[in-house]
Amino acid sequence: MESKDYMEEYCLWMSSDAFDEKTKKELESIAGNEEEIKDRFYRSLEFGTAGLRGVIGAGTNRMNIYTVRKASQGLANVIIREGGQDKGVAIAYDSRHMSVEFSEEAALCLNANGIKTYLFDSLRPTPELSFALRELGCIAGIVVTASHNPSEYNGYKVYWEDGAQITAPKDAQIINEVNSITDYLSLKTMSRLDAIKAGLFHIIGKEIDDRYNEELMKLALRPDVIKKAAEDISIVYTPFHGTGNLPVRRVLKELGFKKVYVVPEQEKPDGDFPTVAYPNPEDKSAFKLALELAEKVNADLVLATDPDADRLGVYAKDSKTGEYMAFTGNMSGTLLCEYQLATRKELGLMPENPAVIKTIVTTNMCDVVAKKFGCTLIECLTGFKYIGEQIKLFEQGVKNFNYVFGYEESYGCLIGTHARDKDACAAVMGLCEAAAYNKLQGKSLWDKMLEMYDEYGYYREGAVSVSMPGADGAQKIAAILDNLRQNPISELGGFKVIEARDYKLHTVKNMVTGETSETTLPESNVLYYVLENDQWCCVRPSGTEPKIKFYYGIKGTSMEDADRLYALVGEAIKKLA
């Protein structure tokens, strides 16, 4: 929808019988406020790296029952075309406002199209949905969540039968179907009672929880070590008012951990997220209550999952100072990767042709860790769906590798292949096992991280996000990327650019020789610069928020040198925006 049409669309929503009175009253309250009307109607919500996501409210650029129904009708059209009605669709949701309503709306739209649905009886982690749809043999899955966004947001992620979020060409097929729908009166729905009578609407729960937990338990590599350290190691955990509380506590208890303390103020689901400004494990201020509890119980490890429990934040104690130290997603992911690879190699559990997968904005420390343990490193675009896609290619025999570990910088990783999305419940389990193993050797996970820096190099990564909301913001983001394409940078922070990759134009340019070649990854609006001395920078628009993101990584000769280079490149990055 072009921005010139926003007032016409607003009037349509105000007058059409397709929309209920509650929606019309909300829109009536903004009559005369052209900026607000424009923001709600200048476009339709689009699928990005994590699907549909936006502020809750009335309008085409908002999350509401009509945008959810429209997305579900588009998905239904694709499923019908592929004859997948009887396979059905699994649906899960988190603790956010309107999650229950949106998930049921999606189910009933699919039911009205003759498609079976399997809706969880209450909130569940995103990775459990990925597991459930494969366990039930479904053709697709939906999760209603906005992950770590503020409380006014909600979202809608679509998964395909391999258990991963949709990738090309399926994403384009669904989007084309959604975008072709112009008449909201044409969207199908039915009553829940009629859907149940027709054998289309099914509720799932405990049986899937039990199977999911069984798969998590199988991921423990050293159950004997957990039992030895169970009485000594102390863990503080918080689900940030989200879905992780029950599955995380269950798996830790069944593995044998004795001292697990859950932050009481953040234990229960609450869509307002009242104790945090932003339910994001990247946000250090969100750990305030958890760190206070950690001090009281002398915890070794402090862990937090985001509302849909696919991302994990970590603090661990520095044995020398007693201070709790924050891990970035790159740090915790690399530490867990190294533990998994080292343990598998020691115990003879490494498969043939092992592979580690990371995204292009994930730390280069991963490369040297994978190399040490004889694993092939595979890079993919930003978004965990691309890691899930690689696992599918392994299983189909398109690529002759066996998956061992995958992660991205934004606090997400996957141990095992029970799910095809990042799984913070599994990550909690894995890090607690790694902490137990190191505890028996007199080390904390922070001590282990410092050892890894000494061995592999002092890698450090950062990101600068610039928010640019609304129609004007989208134009500004496009202008910044266009300017960088037309005027490519030749140096950053004093380091020469030696290679420039444009994943939208499929070009790789050697800045030293001038030679060009083609990229091997799918088309994406991403610019990537390889700098001297293993430094790098990457620019892309956010797939989930109105932001432009600048990622960068450096490698120092010491912690002090890494700090210096990090500040130097970081300052240069800010000038690009």
Protein backbone atom coordinates (compact mmCIF):
# COMPACT_ATOMS: atom_id res chain seq x y z
CA MET A 1 0.00 0.00 0.00
CA GLU A 2 1.46 3.40 -0.98
CA SER A 3 1.44 6.11 1.66
CA LYS A 4 -0.95 8.29 -0.43
CA ASP A 5 -3.68 5.69 0.16
CA TYR A 6 -3.62 5.80 3.96
CA MET A 7 -6.63 8.11 4.40
CA GLU A 8 -8.69 6.09 1.93
CA GLU A 9 -7.87 2.90 3.85
CA TYR A 10 -8.74 4.59 7.16
CA CYS A 11 -12.17 5.53 5.81
CA LEU A 12 -12.71 1.98 4.57
CA TRP A 13 -12.04 0.55 8.04
CA MET A 14 -14.44 3.10 9.53
CA SER A 15 -17.28 2.22 7.15
CA SER A 16 -16.92 -1.46 6.21
CA ASP A 17 -19.02 -4.20 7.78
CA ALA A 18 -15.83 -6.29 7.92
CA PHE A 19 -14.72 -4.51 11.12
CA ASP A 20 -16.36 -4.63 14.54
CA GLU A 21 -17.61 -1.68 16.56
CA LYS A 22 -14.73 -1.84 19.03
CA THR A 23 -12.25 -1.37 16.18
CA LYS A 24 -14.27 1.51 14.72
CA LYS A 25 -14.48 3.27 18.09
CA GLU A 26 -10.71 3.06 18.47
CA LEU A 27 -10.25 4.56 15.01
CA GLU A 28 -12.90 7.22 15.67
CA SER A 29 -10.81 8.39 18.63
CA ILE A 30 -7.97 9.41 16.28
CA ALA A 31 -10.15 11.28 13.76
CA GLY A 32 -8.36 14.47 12.70
CA ASN A 33 -4.95 13.22 13.85
CA GLU A 34 -3.44 12.77 10.40
CA GLU A 35 0.00 11.69 11.65
CA GLU A 36 -1.52 8.90 13.75
CA ILE A 37 -3.80 7.81 10.90
CA LYS A 38 -0.84 7.80 8.53
CA ASP A 39 1.27 5.70 10.88
CA ARG A 40 -1.52 3.14 11.28
CA PHE A 41 -2.39 2.89 7.56
CA TYR A 42 0.56 3.97 5.39
CA ARG A 43 1.52 0.33 4.88
CA SER A 44 0.58 -3.23 5.76
CA LEU A 45 2.71 -5.13 8.25
CA GLU A 46 5.33 -7.17 6.41
CA PHE A 47 7.11 -10.42 7.21
CA GLY A 48 10.76 -9.86 8.14
CA THR A 49 13.38 -12.17 9.65
CA ALA A 50 10.88 -13.09 12.37
CA GLY A 51 7.56 -12.80 10.53
CA LEU A 52 4.77 -10.32 11.31
CA ARG A 53 5.41 -7.96 14.19
CA GLY A 54 3.99 -4.61 15.28
CA VAL A 55 2.24 -2.47 17.86
CA ILE A 56 -1.18 -3.77 18.95
CA GLY A 57 -4.07 -1.65 17.69
CA ALA A 58 -6.47 -0.97 14.83
CA GLY A 59 -5.06 -0.41 11.34
CA THR A 60 -3.18 -2.16 8.54
CA ASN A 61 0.15 -1.30 10.19
CA ARG A 62 -0.91 -2.77 13.53
CA MET A 63 -1.35 -6.18 15.12
CA ASN A 64 -5.08 -6.91 15.46
CA ILE A 65 -7.51 -9.75 14.75
CA TYR A 66 -7.92 -8.58 11.15
CA THR A 67 -4.23 -8.47 10.25
CA VAL A 68 -3.87 -11.86 11.96
CA ARG A 69 -6.86 -13.22 10.03
CA LYS A 70 -5.47 -11.85 6.76
CA ALA A 71 -2.06 -13.47 7.40
CA SER A 72 -3.80 -16.74 8.30
CA GLN A 73 -5.91 -16.66 5.13
CA GLY A 74 -2.77 -16.19 3.05
CA LEU A 75 -1.15 -19.14 4.83
CA ALA A 76 -4.33 -21.20 4.34
CA ASN A 77 -4.30 -20.53 0.59
CA VAL A 78 -0.76 -21.91 0.31
CA ILE A 79 -1.55 -24.96 2.47
CA ILE A 80 -4.65 -25.77 0.37
CA ARG A 81 -2.65 -25.42 -2.82
CA GLU A 82 -0.19 -27.98 -1.47
CA GLY A 83 -2.92 -30.33 -0.19
CA GLY A 84 -1.81 -30.05 3.43
CA GLN A 85 -5.20 -29.49 5.10
CA ASP A 86 -5.24 -32.83 6.92
CA LYS A 87 -1.66 -32.48 8.18
CA GLY A 88 -2.78 -29.39 10.03
CA VAL A 89 -1.09 -26.46 11.74
CA ALA A 90 0.32 -26.31 15.30
CA ILE A 91 -0.17 -22.99 17.13
CA ALA A 92 1.51 -21.62 20.27
CA TYR A 93 1.52 -18.25 22.00
CA ASP A 94 3.34 -16.37 24.75
CA SER A 95 2.30 -14.09 27.64
CA ARG A 96 1.77 -10.92 25.64
CA HIS A 97 -1.46 -8.93 25.44
CA MET A 98 -3.87 -10.39 22.86
CA SER A 99 -1.77 -13.54 22.38
CA VAL A 100 -4.68 -15.82 23.34
CA GLU A 101 -7.09 -13.94 21.05
CA PHE A 102 -4.68 -13.82 18.09
CA SER A 103 -3.80 -17.51 18.34
CA GLU A 104 -7.46 -18.54 18.41
CA GLU A 105 -8.26 -16.14 15.56
CA ALA A 106 -5.53 -17.80 13.48
CA ALA A 107 -6.84 -21.27 14.31
CA LEU A 108 -10.46 -20.47 13.43
CA CYS A 109 -9.51 -18.86 10.12
CA LEU A 110 -7.55 -21.98 9.19
CA ASN A 111 -10.44 -24.18 10.37
CA ALA A 112 -12.88 -22.24 8.19
CA ASN A 113 -10.61 -23.16 5.28
CA GLY A 114 -10.88 -26.85 6.16
CA ILE A 115 -7.43 -27.02 7.83
CA LYS A 116 -6.91 -28.86 11.12
CA THR A 117 -5.28 -26.93 13.97
CA TYR A 118 -3.51 -27.99 17.16
CA LEU A 119 -3.56 -25.13 19.68
CA PHE A 120 -1.66 -25.34 22.97
CA ASP A 121 -3.85 -25.11 26.06
CA SER A 122 -1.75 -22.28 27.52
CA LEU A 123 1.40 -20.31 26.78
CA ARG A 124 4.47 -22.23 25.56
CA PRO A 125 8.04 -21.44 24.44
CA THR A 126 8.63 -20.83 20.75
CA PRO A 127 11.07 -23.77 20.45
CA GLU A 128 8.40 -26.13 21.78
CA LEU A 129 6.17 -25.08 18.88
CA SER A 130 9.00 -25.91 16.46
CA PHE A 131 9.27 -29.32 18.12
CA ALA A 132 5.48 -29.88 18.29
CA LEU A 133 4.73 -29.31 14.63
CA ARG A 134 7.29 -31.96 13.63
CA GLU A 135 6.13 -34.31 16.38
CA LEU A 136 2.53 -34.01 15.14
CA GLY A 137 3.46 -34.19 11.45
CA CYS A 138 1.97 -30.77 10.68
CA ILE A 139 2.56 -28.90 7.45
CA ALA A 140 3.05 -25.57 9.27
CA GLY A 141 3.17 -23.85 12.64
CA ILE A 142 2.37 -20.43 14.06
CA VAL A 143 3.71 -18.70 17.16
CA VAL A 144 2.01 -15.55 18.42
CA THR A 145 4.81 -13.57 20.05
CA ALA A 146 6.83 -10.38 19.72
CA SER A 147 9.84 -12.02 21.38
CA HIS A 148 11.75 -9.36 23.37
CA ASN A 149 9.93 -6.26 22.06
CA PRO A 150 8.24 -3.82 24.49
CA SER A 151 4.82 -4.67 25.92
CA GLU A 152 2.79 -2.76 23.30
CA TYR A 153 3.97 -5.17 20.60
CA ASN A 154 2.82 -8.57 19.47
CA GLY A 155 3.69 -10.71 16.46
CA TYR A 156 3.02 -13.77 14.32
CA LYS A 157 5.75 -16.17 13.21
CA VAL A 158 5.14 -18.82 10.57
CA TYR A 159 6.98 -22.15 10.46
CA TRP A 160 6.97 -24.78 7.74
CA GLU A 161 6.92 -28.58 8.07
CA ASP A 162 10.69 -28.88 8.67
CA GLY A 163 10.16 -26.95 11.92
CA ALA A 164 12.03 -23.80 10.86
CA GLN A 165 10.63 -20.35 10.18
CA ILE A 166 9.66 -19.89 6.55
CA THR A 167 12.43 -19.15 4.07
CA ALA A 168 12.49 -18.66 0.30
CA PRO A 169 10.52 -19.52 -1.73
CA LYS A 170 7.81 -20.34 0.82
CA ASP A 171 7.97 -16.92 2.48
CA ALA A 172 7.37 -15.14 -0.83
CA GLN A 173 4.50 -17.51 -1.70
CA ILE A 174 2.73 -16.75 1.59
CA ILE A 175 3.41 -13.02 1.39
CA ASN A 176 2.07 -12.87 -2.16
CA GLU A 177 -1.11 -14.59 -1.01
CA VAL A 178 -1.48 -12.20 1.93
CA ASN A 179 -0.82 -9.12 -0.20
CA SER A 180 -3.33 -10.22 -2.83
CA ILE A 181 -6.15 -10.05 -0.27
CA THR A 182 -7.86 -6.67 -0.46
CA ASP A 183 -11.37 -7.44 0.77
CA TYR A 184 -11.49 -8.13 4.52
CA LEU A 185 -15.04 -9.45 4.11
CA SER A 186 -13.57 -12.32 2.06
CA LEU A 187 -11.53 -13.60 5.01
CA LYS A 188 -12.93 -16.84 6.39
CA THR A 189 -13.64 -17.65 10.02
CA MET A 190 -16.01 -19.79 12.07
CA SER A 191 -17.05 -20.34 15.67
CA ARG A 192 -14.90 -22.44 17.98
CA LEU A 193 -17.83 -24.72 18.74
CA ASP A 194 -18.47 -25.41 15.05
CA ALA A 195 -14.74 -26.02 14.47
CA ILE A 196 -14.65 -28.57 17.28
CA LYS A 197 -17.78 -30.31 15.97
CA ALA A 198 -16.17 -30.52 12.52
CA GLY A 199 -13.08 -32.21 14.01
CA LEU A 200 -10.84 -29.34 12.95
CA PHE A 201 -9.96 -27.60 16.24
CA HIS A 202 -7.75 -29.57 18.67
CA ILE A 203 -6.19 -28.64 22.01
CA ILE A 204 -2.73 -30.01 22.89
CA GLY A 205 -0.72 -29.87 26.08
CA LYS A 206 0.92 -32.26 28.52
CA GLU A 207 1.67 -35.03 26.03
CA ILE A 208 3.76 -32.62 23.92
CA ASP A 209 5.39 -31.12 27.03
CA ASP A 210 6.52 -34.58 28.10
CA ARG A 211 7.97 -35.41 24.69
CA TYR A 212 9.73 -32.03 24.46
CA ASN A 213 11.26 -32.53 27.89
CA GLU A 214 12.42 -36.04 26.92
CA GLU A 215 14.31 -34.56 23.97
CA LEU A 216 15.89 -31.88 26.16
CA MET A 217 17.05 -34.51 28.64
CA LYS A 218 18.78 -36.45 25.84
CA LEU A 219 20.97 -33.41 25.14
CA ALA A 220 22.90 -33.77 28.41
CA LEU A 221 26.42 -34.93 27.53
CA ARG A 222 27.73 -35.43 31.08
CA PRO A 223 24.79 -36.38 33.36
CA ASP A 224 27.29 -37.86 35.82
CA VAL A 225 29.03 -34.50 36.17
CA ILE A 226 25.71 -32.79 36.90
CA LYS A 227 25.02 -35.24 39.73
CA LYS A 228 28.49 -34.69 41.22
CA ALA A 229 28.17 -30.90 41.20
CA ALA A 230 24.41 -30.67 41.92
CA GLU A 231 24.77 -29.81 45.60
CA ASP A 232 27.51 -27.23 45.03
CA ILE A 233 26.40 -25.22 42.04
CA SER A 234 23.84 -22.45 42.59
CA ILE A 235 21.71 -21.04 39.75
CA VAL A 236 19.42 -18.01 39.60
CA TYR A 237 16.87 -18.00 36.78
CA THR A 238 14.20 -15.59 35.58
CA PRO A 239 11.66 -16.06 32.76
CA PHE A 240 10.98 -12.28 32.52
CA HIS A 241 7.22 -12.87 32.98
CA GLY A 242 7.21 -15.18 29.95
CA THR A 243 6.98 -18.82 28.89
CA GLY A 244 10.24 -20.29 30.16
CA ASN A 245 9.40 -20.84 33.84
CA LEU A 246 7.85 -24.33 33.77
CA PRO A 247 9.96 -26.04 31.07
CA VAL A 248 13.26 -24.62 32.35
CA ARG A 249 12.61 -25.56 35.98
CA ARG A 250 11.43 -29.00 34.96
CA VAL A 251 14.47 -29.95 32.91
CA LEU A 252 16.91 -28.61 35.50
CA LYS A 253 15.13 -30.50 38.28
CA GLU A 254 15.00 -33.77 36.33
CA LEU A 255 18.69 -33.46 35.43
CA GLY A 256 19.44 -33.25 39.15
CA PHE A 257 20.30 -29.60 39.84
CA LYS A 258 19.40 -28.92 43.48
CA LYS A 259 19.93 -25.18 43.93
CA VAL A 260 17.80 -23.38 41.35
CA TYR A 261 16.35 -20.06 42.51
CA VAL A 262 13.66 -18.36 40.41
CA VAL A 263 13.19 -14.59 40.75
CA PRO A 264 9.76 -14.48 42.46
CA GLU A 265 8.73 -11.05 41.12
CA GLN A 266 9.27 -12.21 37.52
CA GLU A 267 8.02 -15.79 37.78
CA LYS A 268 4.41 -15.38 36.67
CA PRO A 269 3.37 -14.54 33.08
CA ASP A 270 2.41 -10.88 32.65
CA GLY A 271 2.04 -9.05 29.32
CA ASP A 272 2.83 -5.71 30.98
CA PHE A 273 6.31 -6.97 32.00
CA PRO A 274 5.98 -4.77 35.10
CA THR A 275 9.45 -5.29 36.56
CA VAL A 276 11.44 -4.49 33.41
CA ALA A 277 11.43 -1.58 30.99
CA TYR A 278 12.21 -3.97 28.16
CA PRO A 279 11.97 -7.80 28.51
CA ASN A 280 15.22 -8.32 26.65
CA PRO A 281 18.15 -10.44 27.92
CA GLU A 282 20.47 -8.03 26.08
CA ASP A 283 19.38 -5.24 28.44
CA LYS A 284 21.56 -5.25 31.57
CA SER A 285 19.00 -3.24 33.57
CA ALA A 286 16.51 -6.13 33.18
CA PHE A 287 18.81 -8.26 35.36
CA LYS A 288 18.52 -6.01 38.44
CA LEU A 289 16.26 -8.33 40.47
CA ALA A 290 18.08 -11.47 39.34
CA LEU A 291 21.47 -10.07 40.37
CA GLU A 292 20.10 -8.99 43.74
CA LEU A 293 18.88 -12.55 44.33
CA ALA A 294 22.20 -13.93 43.09
CA GLU A 295 24.06 -11.92 45.73
CA LYS A 296 21.77 -13.29 48.47
CA VAL A 297 22.17 -16.95 47.49
CA ASN A 298 25.79 -16.69 46.29
CA ALA A 299 24.86 -17.94 42.82
CA ASP A 300 27.45 -19.18 40.34
CA LEU A 301 25.28 -18.45 37.35
CA VAL A 302 22.45 -16.00 36.54
CA LEU A 303 20.20 -16.82 33.56
CA ALA A 304 17.25 -15.04 31.92
CA THR A 305 15.04 -16.11 29.03
CA ASP A 306 13.00 -13.66 26.96
CA PRO A 307 9.17 -13.89 26.92
CA ASP A 308 8.97 -16.65 24.28
CA ALA A 309 12.04 -18.45 25.69
CA ASP A 310 14.11 -18.65 22.55
CA ARG A 311 16.88 -16.28 23.69
CA LEU A 312 19.08 -16.47 26.78
CA GLY A 313 20.98 -13.84 28.76
CA VAL A 314 23.86 -14.88 31.05
CA TYR A 315 25.89 -13.56 33.98
CA ALA A 316 28.58 -15.58 35.72
CA LYS A 317 30.76 -14.86 38.73
CA ASP A 318 34.40 -13.83 38.35
CA SER A 319 36.17 -16.10 40.84
CA LYS A 320 38.89 -13.52 41.53
CA THR A 321 36.69 -10.52 42.24
CA GLY A 322 33.35 -12.11 43.15
CA GLU A 323 31.68 -9.76 40.66
CA TYR A 324 28.91 -10.94 38.33
CA MET A 325 30.04 -10.44 34.73
CA ALA A 326 27.71 -10.06 31.75
CA PHE A 327 28.06 -12.23 28.66
CA THR A 328 27.11 -11.02 25.22
CA GLY A 329 25.27 -13.46 22.97
CA ASN A 330 28.52 -14.00 21.08
CA MET A 331 30.33 -14.89 24.31
CA SER A 332 27.76 -17.30 25.75
CA GLY A 333 27.18 -18.86 22.34
CA THR A 334 30.88 -19.42 21.73
CA LEU A 335 31.45 -20.79 25.23
CA LEU A 336 28.60 -23.25 24.82
CA CYS A 337 29.80 -24.15 21.33
CA GLU A 338 33.30 -24.88 22.62
CA TYR A 339 31.95 -26.97 25.49
CA GLN A 340 29.78 -29.02 23.15
CA LEU A 341 32.57 -29.63 20.64
CA ALA A 342 35.26 -30.39 23.24
CA THR A 343 32.99 -32.76 25.16
CA ARG A 344 31.79 -34.57 22.06
CA LYS A 345 35.36 -35.05 20.88
CA GLU A 346 36.56 -36.28 24.29
CA LEU A 347 33.65 -38.71 24.72
CA GLY A 348 33.68 -39.98 21.13
CA LEU A 349 30.29 -38.41 20.38
CA MET A 350 31.34 -36.26 17.42
CA PRO A 351 29.50 -37.31 14.25
CA GLU A 352 31.13 -37.70 10.85
CA ASN A 353 31.43 -34.49 8.83
CA PRO A 354 30.43 -32.28 11.77
CA ALA A 355 29.27 -28.74 11.03
CA VAL A 356 28.83 -25.58 13.08
CA ILE A 357 26.53 -22.89 11.67
CA LYS A 358 26.61 -19.19 12.46
CA THR A 359 25.15 -16.03 10.93
CA ILE A 360 27.31 -13.47 9.12
CA VAL A 361 27.11 -11.05 12.08
CA THR A 362 28.23 -13.64 14.65
CA THR A 363 31.73 -13.54 16.17
CA ASN A 364 34.74 -14.73 14.19
CA MET A 365 35.90 -16.53 17.33
CA CYS A 366 33.47 -19.23 16.22
CA ASP A 367 35.62 -19.86 13.15
CA VAL A 368 38.74 -20.75 15.14
CA VAL A 369 36.82 -22.86 17.67
CA ALA A 370 35.19 -24.88 14.88
CA LYS A 371 38.55 -25.33 13.16
CA LYS A 372 40.23 -26.59 16.35
CA PHE A 373 37.72 -29.42 16.70
CA GLY A 374 37.64 -30.36 13.03
CA CYS A 375 34.19 -28.93 12.25
CA THR A 376 33.20 -27.29 8.99
CA LEU A 377 31.95 -23.74 9.57
CA ILE A 378 28.92 -22.63 7.54
CA GLU A 379 27.78 -19.00 7.43
CA CYS A 380 24.24 -17.86 6.65
CA LEU A 381 22.23 -14.66 6.62
CA THR A 382 20.97 -13.02 9.83
CA GLY A 383 17.92 -14.77 11.23
CA PHE A 384 17.80 -18.19 12.86
CA LYS A 385 15.50 -19.47 10.11
CA TYR A 386 18.57 -19.69 7.89
CA ILE A 387 20.30 -21.94 10.42
CA GLY A 388 17.18 -24.13 10.48
CA GLU A 389 17.25 -24.19 6.68
CA GLN A 390 20.82 -25.54 6.71
CA ILE A 391 19.77 -28.40 9.04
CA LYS A 392 17.03 -29.28 6.54
CA LEU A 393 19.59 -29.36 3.71
CA PHE A 394 21.78 -31.71 5.79
CA GLU A 395 18.87 -34.07 6.41
CA GLN A 396 17.81 -34.03 2.77
CA GLY A 397 21.35 -34.95 1.71
CA VAL A 398 21.78 -31.74 -0.26
CA LYS A 399 24.82 -31.06 1.92
CA ASN A 400 26.89 -33.89 3.38
CA PHE A 401 27.20 -32.61 6.94
CA ASN A 402 25.90 -33.47 10.40
CA TYR A 403 24.71 -30.63 12.60
CA VAL A 404 26.50 -30.12 15.91
CA PHE A 405 25.77 -26.55 16.98
CA GLY A 406 24.39 -23.28 15.63
CA TYR A 407 24.10 -19.76 17.02
CA GLU A 408 23.68 -16.08 16.29
CA GLU A 409 24.91 -12.96 18.06
CA SER A 410 21.46 -11.99 19.34
CA TYR A 411 21.49 -14.45 22.25
CA GLY A 412 20.09 -17.43 20.36
CA CYS A 413 21.50 -20.93 19.88
CA LEU A 414 20.38 -24.50 19.25
CA ILE A 415 21.81 -27.69 20.73
CA GLY A 416 20.47 -30.75 18.93
CA THR A 417 17.87 -30.94 16.15
CA HIS A 418 14.69 -31.56 18.19
CA ALA A 419 13.72 -27.99 17.22
CA ARG A 420 14.67 -25.89 14.22
CA ASP A 421 14.70 -22.55 15.98
CA LYS A 422 16.83 -21.19 18.76
CA ASP A 423 15.98 -22.83 22.08
CA ALA A 424 16.73 -21.04 25.34
CA CYS A 425 15.40 -23.95 27.41
CA ALA A 426 18.06 -26.21 25.87
CA ALA A 427 20.65 -23.43 26.18
CA VAL A 428 19.94 -23.08 29.93
CA MET A 429 20.42 -26.81 30.33
CA GLY A 430 23.65 -26.78 28.30
CA LEU A 431 25.18 -23.83 30.12
CA CYS A 432 24.27 -25.24 33.52
CA GLU A 433 26.00 -28.49 32.55
CA ALA A 434 29.05 -26.53 31.37
CA ALA A 435 29.02 -24.58 34.64
CA ALA A 436 28.87 -27.83 36.63
CA TYR A 437 31.79 -29.27 34.65
CA ASN A 438 33.93 -26.17 35.21
CA LYS A 439 32.88 -25.92 38.88
CA LEU A 440 34.38 -29.35 39.53
CA GLN A 441 37.63 -27.99 38.12
CA GLY A 442 37.52 -24.91 40.35
CA LYS A 443 36.44 -22.50 37.61
CA SER A 444 33.39 -20.36 36.90
CA LEU A 445 32.08 -19.85 33.39
CA TRP A 446 33.62 -16.37 33.44
CA ASP A 447 37.00 -17.89 34.28
CA LYS A 448 36.51 -20.26 31.35
CA MET A 449 35.65 -17.37 29.04
CA LEU A 450 38.90 -15.61 29.96
CA GLU A 451 40.81 -18.83 29.20
CA MET A 452 39.16 -18.94 25.79
CA TYR A 453 40.25 -15.36 25.05
CA ASP A 454 43.82 -16.31 25.92
CA GLU A 455 43.65 -19.32 23.60
CA TYR A 456 41.66 -18.07 20.62
CA GLY A 457 42.19 -14.30 20.64
CA TYR A 458 40.52 -11.29 22.18
CA TYR A 459 37.43 -11.01 20.00
CA ARG A 460 34.81 -8.42 20.78
CA GLU A 461 31.64 -7.47 18.96
CA GLY A 462 29.09 -4.69 19.13
CA ALA A 463 26.04 -3.27 17.44
CA VAL A 464 24.66 0.21 16.98
CA SER A 465 20.89 0.39 16.39
CA VAL A 466 19.28 3.63 15.23
CA SER A 467 15.49 3.81 15.58
CA MET A 468 13.66 5.49 12.68
CA PRO A 469 9.91 4.90 13.15
CA GLY A 470 7.13 5.63 10.71
CA ALA A 471 7.00 6.24 6.97
CA ASP A 472 9.69 8.92 7.13
CA GLY A 473 11.94 6.54 9.08
CA ALA A 474 11.61 3.82 6.45
CA GLN A 475 12.67 6.34 3.79
CA LYS A 476 15.67 7.44 5.87
CA ILE A 477 16.82 3.84 6.35
CA ALA A 478 16.57 3.23 2.60
CA ALA A 479 18.52 6.45 1.93
CA ILE A 480 21.38 5.45 4.25
CA LEU A 481 21.75 2.08 2.53
CA ASP A 482 21.52 3.68 -0.93
CA ASN A 483 24.22 6.19 0.02
CA LEU A 484 26.54 3.44 1.24
CA ARG A 485 26.01 1.54 -2.03
CA GLN A 486 26.76 4.60 -4.13
CA ASN A 487 29.64 5.79 -1.94
CA PRO A 488 31.26 2.63 -0.52
CA ILE A 489 33.47 3.10 2.52
CA SER A 490 37.20 2.47 2.05
CA GLU A 491 38.23 2.53 5.71
CA LEU A 492 36.65 2.36 9.14
CA GLY A 493 38.31 3.37 12.40
CA GLY A 494 41.67 3.50 10.64
CA PHE A 495 41.35 0.01 9.17
CA LYS A 496 41.22 -0.43 5.41
CA VAL A 497 38.28 -2.21 3.84
CA ILE A 498 39.70 -5.18 1.94
CA GLU A 499 36.41 -6.71 0.79
CA ALA A 500 32.89 -5.34 0.31
CA ARG A 501 29.90 -7.66 -0.01
CA ASP A 502 26.47 -6.53 -1.17
CA TYR A 503 23.96 -9.31 -0.58
CA LYS A 504 21.21 -7.39 -2.36
CA LEU A 505 23.22 -7.06 -5.59
CA HIS A 506 24.98 -10.43 -5.07
CA THR A 507 28.43 -8.84 -5.42
CA VAL A 508 31.72 -9.36 -3.61
CA LYS A 509 34.36 -6.76 -4.44
CA ASN A 510 38.05 -7.13 -3.56
CA MET A 511 38.91 -3.55 -2.62
CA VAL A 512 42.63 -4.18 -3.13
CA THR A 513 42.55 -5.71 -6.63
CA GLY A 514 39.17 -4.42 -7.79
CA GLU A 515 38.07 -7.93 -8.77
CA THR A 516 34.41 -8.85 -8.28
CA SER A 517 32.61 -12.13 -7.76
CA GLU A 518 29.15 -13.30 -6.71
CA THR A 519 27.90 -13.92 -3.19
CA THR A 520 26.71 -17.45 -2.37
CA LEU A 521 23.90 -16.47 0.02
CA PRO A 522 20.28 -15.54 -0.85
CA GLU A 523 19.38 -11.96 -1.74
CA SER A 524 19.09 -9.68 1.27
CA ASN A 525 19.39 -5.93 1.85
CA VAL A 526 22.72 -6.28 3.66
CA LEU A 527 26.15 -4.68 3.25
CA TYR A 528 29.20 -6.40 4.76
CA TYR A 529 32.76 -5.08 4.96
CA VAL A 530 35.83 -7.18 5.72
CA LEU A 531 38.50 -4.98 7.31
CA GLU A 532 42.18 -5.49 8.03
CA ASN A 533 43.31 -7.60 11.02
CA ASP A 534 40.13 -9.72 11.25
CA GLN A 535 37.86 -6.72 11.89
CA TRP A 536 34.50 -6.41 10.13
CA CYS A 537 31.32 -4.34 9.84
CA CYS A 538 27.81 -5.14 8.60
CA VAL A 539 24.80 -2.87 7.90
CA ARG A 540 21.18 -4.00 7.53
CA PRO A 541 17.65 -2.82 8.30
CA SER A 542 16.04 -4.65 11.22
CA GLY A 543 13.56 -7.32 10.19
CA THR A 544 11.41 -6.84 13.29
CA GLU A 545 11.62 -3.16 14.30
CA PRO A 546 11.90 0.26 12.56
CA LYS A 547 15.67 0.39 12.97
CA ILE A 548 18.85 0.31 10.96
CA LYS A 549 21.54 -1.87 12.51
CA PHE A 550 25.31 -1.60 12.29
CA TYR A 551 27.19 -4.67 13.54
CA TYR A 552 30.95 -4.81 13.98
CA GLY A 553 33.68 -7.06 15.33
CA ILE A 554 37.31 -6.60 16.27
CA LYS A 555 40.21 -8.78 17.42
CA GLY A 556 42.75 -7.45 19.92
CA THR A 557 46.06 -8.72 21.24
CA SER A 558 44.88 -8.31 24.85
CA MET A 559 41.73 -7.29 26.73
CA GLU A 560 43.00 -3.70 26.86
CA ASP A 561 43.80 -3.70 23.14
CA ALA A 562 40.36 -5.14 22.36
CA ASP A 563 38.71 -2.39 24.42
CA ARG A 564 40.70 0.26 22.50
CA LEU A 565 39.83 -1.13 19.07
CA TYR A 566 36.19 -1.65 20.05
CA ALA A 567 35.85 2.02 21.03
CA LEU A 568 37.70 3.17 17.91
CA VAL A 569 35.58 1.21 15.43
CA GLY A 570 32.40 1.90 17.41
CA GLU A 571 32.89 5.67 17.10
CA ALA A 572 33.49 5.33 13.36
CA ILE A 573 30.29 3.25 13.02
CA LYS A 574 28.16 5.95 14.65
CA LYS A 575 29.22 8.44 11.97
CA LEU A 576 27.82 6.19 9.23
CA ALA A 577 24.28 6.75 10.50
